[in-house]
C-alpha cells in the first residue's frame, strides 16, 4: 500500500505502551511503516526482544506501567532511545479480574490492578514525559518560525493518544473494573486536553472497537474472531488520526469508513477534543459487541 505524503510520519518520535501484542504490536508495525521512530514498552523481556528482532529500527523497553517504580526508568529509556518525544500512545490495558466478574465478586486487588494499569500508569508516564512533549512543540515552532500554525509545513502539535473503549461510556455487567478505569482515563484525557492544548499538546481518547486480540480473547473467549475488527485496521486509523492532528494542530478526528457488514466500527474519538467533536455520519453506529478492548 502506497502512503500519501500527508499520511507519512517520517522522523516522528513515538512511544507505545503494551507494544508486543494486539493493537500495540499493530501500531509498532504501522508507525514504523510510515517512517516514525518508535519505542515500545512491554512487561516481558522475551517478547520485547522478539519484537525488536522483527522491527530492528524500533527500540524495545522492558517495563510495567502499572508499577510506579518503573515509570521514570521507562521515560528515561524512551527519551534516551528516541532523543525526545513527539507522540505518546498509552495502549497497555488490564481487564482486572479474569474471567470477568460482577463488581460484588471482584477482588479489591483486581480493581486495583485495572486502575494502576489503565489510569495511574498513563497518568504517571504522561506526566513524566510532558517536558519532552512541550520541548517538541517548541523545537517545531523554532524550526518553522514565520509559517502559519495550521500549515502542513508549520509547527507540529505534540500528541498523547489514550486508548479507550465503549465500556468507558456504557455500563456492562461484569466489566466493572475495566469500564470504571477506562471511564476515568477518558475524563482524564479531556481535562489534560483542556489544560495543555493552548501549549500545543493535544490529547485524544480513541475507541478502536472490538478487535481480534489476546486481551479480547481473555475477556470473551467464545467470541468468533471473524466478527471482530483486525488490530491492523485500527492501527491504520489511529495513525491517520495522529498524522492529522500533528499537521493541523486541531483536536478533530473524522471517522473512517469501514465494512459494517461484519459488525465492525471505525476508531471513534471519545469527545476528548476541546475544539470540535468528530463529525460522524449518522449511518455509522457504535460497535454492538459488549466491552471493546484493545
Protein backbone atom coordinates (compact mmCIF):
# COMPACT_ATOMS: atom_id res chain seq x y z
CA UNK A 1 0.00 0.00 0.00
CA UNK A 2 1.45 3.36 -1.09
CA UNK A 3 1.22 6.10 1.52
CA UNK A 4 0.20 9.63 0.63
CA UNK A 5 2.55 12.40 1.78
CA UNK A 6 0.09 13.57 4.44
CA UNK A 7 -0.11 10.03 5.85
CA UNK A 8 3.61 9.69 6.48
CA UNK A 9 5.23 10.29 9.85
CA UNK A 10 8.87 10.47 8.81
CA UNK A 11 11.13 11.04 11.78
CA UNK A 12 8.26 11.48 14.25
CA UNK A 13 9.26 10.06 17.64
CA UNK A 14 6.53 7.81 19.04
CA UNK A 15 6.32 5.77 22.25
CA UNK A 16 3.76 2.95 22.56
CA UNK A 17 2.93 1.04 25.74
CA UNK A 18 1.72 -2.55 25.51
CA UNK A 19 3.65 -2.82 22.26
CA UNK A 20 4.24 -6.56 21.88
CA UNK A 21 0.75 -7.90 21.12
CA UNK A 22 -2.65 -6.92 19.79
CA UNK A 23 -3.21 -3.28 18.92
CA UNK A 24 0.15 -2.22 20.34
CA UNK A 25 2.08 -4.56 18.05
CA UNK A 26 -0.05 -3.46 15.09
CA UNK A 27 0.83 0.16 15.93
CA UNK A 28 4.55 -0.67 16.03
CA UNK A 29 4.20 -2.13 12.54
CA UNK A 30 2.05 0.68 11.13
CA UNK A 31 4.01 3.57 12.56
CA UNK A 32 7.41 2.21 11.55
CA UNK A 33 5.97 1.61 8.08
CA UNK A 34 5.08 5.30 7.94
CA UNK A 35 8.61 6.33 8.81
CA UNK A 36 8.19 7.05 12.52
CA UNK A 37 10.91 6.34 15.06
CA UNK A 38 9.24 4.03 17.57
CA UNK A 39 9.93 2.97 21.13
CA UNK A 40 7.65 0.31 22.56
CA UNK A 41 7.16 -0.86 26.14
CA UNK A 42 6.05 -4.25 27.47
CA UNK A 43 6.49 -6.29 30.63
CA UNK A 44 8.10 -9.45 29.24
CA UNK A 45 11.72 -9.34 28.08
CA UNK A 46 11.38 -12.33 25.78
CA UNK A 47 8.52 -10.69 23.89
CA UNK A 48 10.29 -7.33 23.76
CA UNK A 49 13.41 -9.00 22.32
CA UNK A 50 11.32 -10.96 19.83
CA UNK A 51 9.52 -7.88 18.52
CA UNK A 52 12.78 -5.92 18.40
CA UNK A 53 14.26 -8.60 16.16
CA UNK A 54 11.33 -8.26 13.76
CA UNK A 55 11.45 -4.45 13.85
CA UNK A 56 15.17 -3.63 14.23
CA UNK A 57 14.56 0.10 13.87
CA UNK A 58 12.19 0.09 16.86
CA UNK A 59 13.53 0.50 20.38
CA UNK A 60 12.23 -2.08 22.88
CA UNK A 61 11.86 -1.30 26.59
CA UNK A 62 11.03 -3.76 29.35
CA UNK A 63 8.77 -2.22 32.00
CA UNK A 64 5.37 -2.33 33.66
CA UNK A 65 3.35 0.89 33.50
CA UNK A 66 1.28 -0.35 36.45
CA UNK A 67 4.39 -0.15 38.63
CA UNK A 68 5.20 3.30 39.99
CA UNK A 69 8.87 2.34 40.31
CA UNK A 70 9.08 1.53 36.58
CA UNK A 71 7.73 4.84 35.26
CA UNK A 72 10.84 7.02 35.38
CA UNK A 73 13.14 4.27 34.06
CA UNK A 74 10.68 3.77 31.18
CA UNK A 75 10.54 7.51 30.49
CA UNK A 76 14.33 7.86 30.57
CA UNK A 77 14.76 4.95 28.17
CA UNK A 78 12.16 6.39 25.79
CA UNK A 79 13.95 9.74 25.70
CA UNK A 80 17.39 8.14 25.52
CA UNK A 81 16.36 5.83 22.69
CA UNK A 82 14.48 8.40 20.62
CA UNK A 83 16.27 11.62 21.58
CA UNK A 84 12.98 13.26 22.52
CA UNK A 85 9.28 12.58 22.05
CA UNK A 86 6.52 13.83 19.75
CA UNK A 87 3.72 11.28 20.32
CA UNK A 88 2.78 9.04 23.25
CA UNK A 89 0.27 6.20 22.85
CA UNK A 90 -1.00 4.85 26.17
CA UNK A 91 -2.23 1.47 24.97
CA UNK A 92 -1.36 -1.02 27.73
CA UNK A 93 -4.55 -2.25 29.43
CA UNK A 94 -5.75 -4.62 32.13
CA UNK A 95 -9.19 -6.19 32.35
CA UNK A 96 -8.96 -6.56 36.12
CA UNK A 97 -10.47 -9.92 37.04
CA UNK A 98 -10.09 -12.77 34.54
CA UNK A 99 -12.56 -14.30 33.94
CA UNK A 100 -14.65 -11.14 34.11
CA UNK A 101 -16.69 -10.82 37.30
CA UNK A 102 -19.57 -8.87 38.77
CA UNK A 103 -18.39 -5.94 40.86
CA UNK A 104 -19.65 -7.64 44.02
CA UNK A 105 -17.39 -10.60 43.18
CA UNK A 106 -14.38 -8.52 42.12
CA UNK A 107 -11.39 -8.69 44.44
CA UNK A 108 -10.01 -5.34 45.53
CA UNK A 109 -6.63 -6.36 44.14
CA UNK A 110 -8.13 -6.89 40.67
CA UNK A 111 -9.78 -3.46 40.71
CA UNK A 112 -6.50 -2.00 41.92
CA UNK A 113 -4.64 -3.62 39.01
CA UNK A 114 -7.10 -2.22 36.46
CA UNK A 115 -6.78 1.27 37.92
CA UNK A 116 -2.98 1.04 38.16
CA UNK A 117 -2.62 -0.10 34.53
CA UNK A 118 -5.40 1.88 32.84
CA UNK A 119 -5.37 5.15 34.81
CA UNK A 120 -2.37 5.67 37.08
CA UNK A 121 0.10 4.23 34.56
CA UNK A 122 -0.92 6.56 31.72
CA UNK A 123 -1.13 9.50 34.14
CA UNK A 124 2.34 8.92 35.57
CA UNK A 125 4.00 8.23 32.22
CA UNK A 126 2.34 11.22 30.56
CA UNK A 127 3.39 13.46 33.43
CA UNK A 128 6.96 12.17 33.25
CA UNK A 129 7.10 12.90 29.51
CA UNK A 130 5.28 16.25 29.39
CA UNK A 131 8.53 18.20 29.36
CA UNK A 132 9.73 16.30 26.30
CA UNK A 133 6.41 16.79 24.51
CA UNK A 134 6.49 20.52 25.26
CA UNK A 135 10.09 20.71 24.02
CA UNK A 136 8.99 19.01 20.79
CA UNK A 137 6.40 21.72 20.19
CA UNK A 138 8.91 24.49 20.95
CA UNK A 139 11.51 22.93 18.64
CA UNK A 140 8.95 22.72 15.87
CA UNK A 141 7.91 26.35 16.40
CA UNK A 142 11.53 27.47 16.27
CA UNK A 143 12.32 25.43 13.18
CA UNK A 144 9.29 26.81 11.36
CA UNK A 145 9.26 30.42 12.55
CA UNK A 146 7.07 32.63 10.41
CA UNK A 147 5.00 29.80 8.96
CA UNK A 148 1.23 29.66 9.63
CA UNK A 149 0.33 27.46 12.61
CA UNK A 150 -2.13 25.41 10.54
CA UNK A 151 0.27 24.86 7.68
CA UNK A 152 1.26 21.27 6.96
CA UNK A 153 4.82 22.61 6.89
CA UNK A 154 4.42 24.65 10.09
CA UNK A 155 4.68 23.83 13.78
CA UNK A 156 3.61 20.33 14.77
CA UNK A 157 1.47 19.51 17.76
CA UNK A 158 2.58 17.16 20.50
CA UNK A 159 0.08 14.28 20.74
CA UNK A 160 -0.99 11.89 23.50
CA UNK A 161 -3.39 9.12 22.46
CA UNK A 162 -5.18 7.23 25.23
CA UNK A 163 -6.82 4.02 24.04
CA UNK A 164 -10.37 3.86 25.32
CA UNK A 165 -13.42 1.61 24.97
CA UNK A 166 -17.19 1.82 24.72
CA UNK A 167 -17.09 0.31 28.22
CA UNK A 168 -15.89 3.74 29.34
CA UNK A 169 -19.34 5.10 28.46
CA UNK A 170 -21.75 2.16 28.70
CA UNK A 171 -22.36 0.16 31.88
CA UNK A 172 -21.81 -3.51 31.04
CA UNK A 173 -22.29 -6.21 33.70
CA UNK A 174 -19.01 -7.93 34.62
CA UNK A 175 -16.94 -5.19 33.00
CA UNK A 176 -16.90 -3.03 36.13
CA UNK A 177 -13.17 -2.85 36.83
CA UNK A 178 -12.25 -2.33 33.19
CA UNK A 179 -15.13 0.05 32.43
CA UNK A 180 -14.61 2.20 35.51
CA UNK A 181 -10.88 2.52 34.85
CA UNK A 182 -11.41 3.38 31.18
CA UNK A 183 -14.09 5.94 32.13
CA UNK A 184 -11.58 7.59 34.47
CA UNK A 185 -8.94 7.61 31.71
CA UNK A 186 -11.43 9.10 29.26
CA UNK A 187 -12.24 12.00 31.57
CA UNK A 188 -8.59 12.46 32.47
CA UNK A 189 -7.88 12.80 28.74
CA UNK A 190 -10.47 15.55 28.35
CA UNK A 191 -9.03 17.50 31.27
CA UNK A 192 -5.43 17.11 30.03
CA UNK A 193 -6.54 18.44 26.64
CA UNK A 194 -8.33 21.43 28.15
CA UNK A 195 -5.24 22.31 30.14
CA UNK A 196 -2.50 21.69 27.58
CA UNK A 197 -4.00 22.28 24.11
CA UNK A 198 -3.14 26.02 24.35
CA UNK A 199 0.50 24.94 24.70
CA UNK A 200 0.31 22.80 21.57
CA UNK A 201 -0.03 19.41 23.29
CA UNK A 202 -3.24 17.65 22.29
CA UNK A 203 -4.90 14.60 23.83
CA UNK A 204 -7.14 12.09 22.09
CA UNK A 205 -9.25 9.36 23.65
CA UNK A 206 -9.83 6.81 20.89
CA UNK A 207 -12.05 3.73 21.00
CA UNK A 208 -10.74 1.20 18.45
CA UNK A 209 -13.78 -1.09 18.68
CA UNK A 210 -13.91 -4.83 19.37
CA UNK A 211 -10.75 -6.38 17.97
CA UNK A 212 -9.31 -9.84 17.50
CA UNK A 213 -6.60 -9.54 20.15
CA UNK A 214 -5.30 -11.65 23.04
CA UNK A 215 -6.93 -9.28 25.55
CA UNK A 216 -10.31 -9.63 23.88
CA UNK A 217 -9.90 -13.41 23.85
CA UNK A 218 -9.32 -13.32 27.61
CA UNK A 219 -12.45 -11.23 28.09
CA UNK A 220 -14.75 -13.04 25.65
CA UNK A 221 -13.22 -16.47 24.97
CA UNK A 222 -16.24 -17.66 22.95
CA UNK A 223 -16.18 -14.71 20.52
CA UNK A 224 -15.97 -15.53 16.81
CA UNK A 225 -12.75 -13.87 15.55
CA UNK A 226 -14.30 -13.42 12.10
CA UNK A 227 -16.78 -10.92 13.59
CA UNK A 228 -14.05 -8.83 15.18
CA UNK A 229 -12.05 -5.97 13.77
CA UNK A 230 -8.44 -6.63 12.85
CA UNK A 231 -5.99 -4.63 15.01
CA UNK A 232 -4.12 -3.68 11.84
CA UNK A 233 -7.20 -1.77 10.64
CA UNK A 234 -7.49 0.08 13.94
CA UNK A 235 -3.77 0.87 13.86
CA UNK A 236 -4.13 2.50 10.44
CA UNK A 237 -7.00 4.65 11.69
CA UNK A 238 -5.09 5.70 14.80
CA UNK A 239 -2.02 6.53 12.71
CA UNK A 240 -4.23 8.65 10.43
CA UNK A 241 -5.57 10.49 13.49
CA UNK A 242 -2.04 11.17 14.72
CA UNK A 243 -0.89 12.41 11.31
CA UNK A 244 -3.94 14.67 11.00
CA UNK A 245 -3.55 16.15 14.47
CA UNK A 246 0.18 16.67 14.05
CA UNK A 247 -0.43 18.52 10.80
CA UNK A 248 -3.39 20.68 11.78
CA UNK A 249 -2.92 21.26 15.50
CA UNK A 250 -6.69 20.86 15.91
CA UNK A 251 -8.21 18.13 18.08
CA UNK A 252 -10.52 16.71 15.45
CA UNK A 253 -10.85 13.24 14.01
CA UNK A 254 -13.06 12.24 11.09
CA UNK A 255 -14.20 8.65 11.28
CA UNK A 256 -13.03 6.34 8.53
CA UNK A 257 -15.48 4.26 6.56
CA UNK A 258 -15.41 0.53 7.25
CA UNK A 259 -17.25 -2.59 6.25
CA UNK A 260 -20.00 -2.75 8.86
CA UNK A 261 -21.45 -5.98 7.49
CA UNK A 262 -19.27 -7.86 9.98
CA UNK A 263 -20.45 -5.71 12.88
CA UNK A 264 -17.27 -3.63 12.83
CA UNK A 265 -16.95 0.07 13.54
CA UNK A 266 -14.16 2.56 12.96
CA UNK A 267 -11.99 4.11 15.61
CA UNK A 268 -14.13 6.66 17.40
CA UNK A 269 -12.98 9.88 19.04
CA UNK A 270 -14.36 9.87 22.57
CA UNK A 271 -15.24 13.59 22.57
CA UNK A 272 -11.83 14.21 24.10
CA UNK A 273 -11.11 17.25 21.94
CA UNK A 274 -11.56 20.81 23.10
CA UNK A 275 -12.02 22.44 19.72
CA UNK A 276 -14.52 20.27 17.89
CA UNK A 277 -16.19 16.90 18.20
CA UNK A 278 -15.65 14.42 15.41
CA UNK A 279 -18.13 14.69 12.59
CA UNK A 280 -20.00 11.40 12.43
CA UNK A 281 -22.08 10.05 9.62
CA UNK A 282 -25.41 9.13 11.21
CA UNK A 283 -25.22 5.77 9.46
CA UNK A 284 -22.14 4.85 11.49
CA UNK A 285 -23.21 3.08 14.68
CA UNK A 286 -21.06 2.24 17.71
CA UNK A 287 -19.94 -1.37 17.87
CA UNK A 288 -22.73 -3.64 19.11
CA UNK A 289 -20.38 -6.09 20.80
CA UNK A 290 -20.05 -5.55 24.52
CA UNK A 291 -16.93 -4.01 26.00
CA UNK A 292 -14.46 -3.17 23.27
CA UNK A 293 -10.97 -3.99 24.45
CA UNK A 294 -7.63 -3.41 22.72
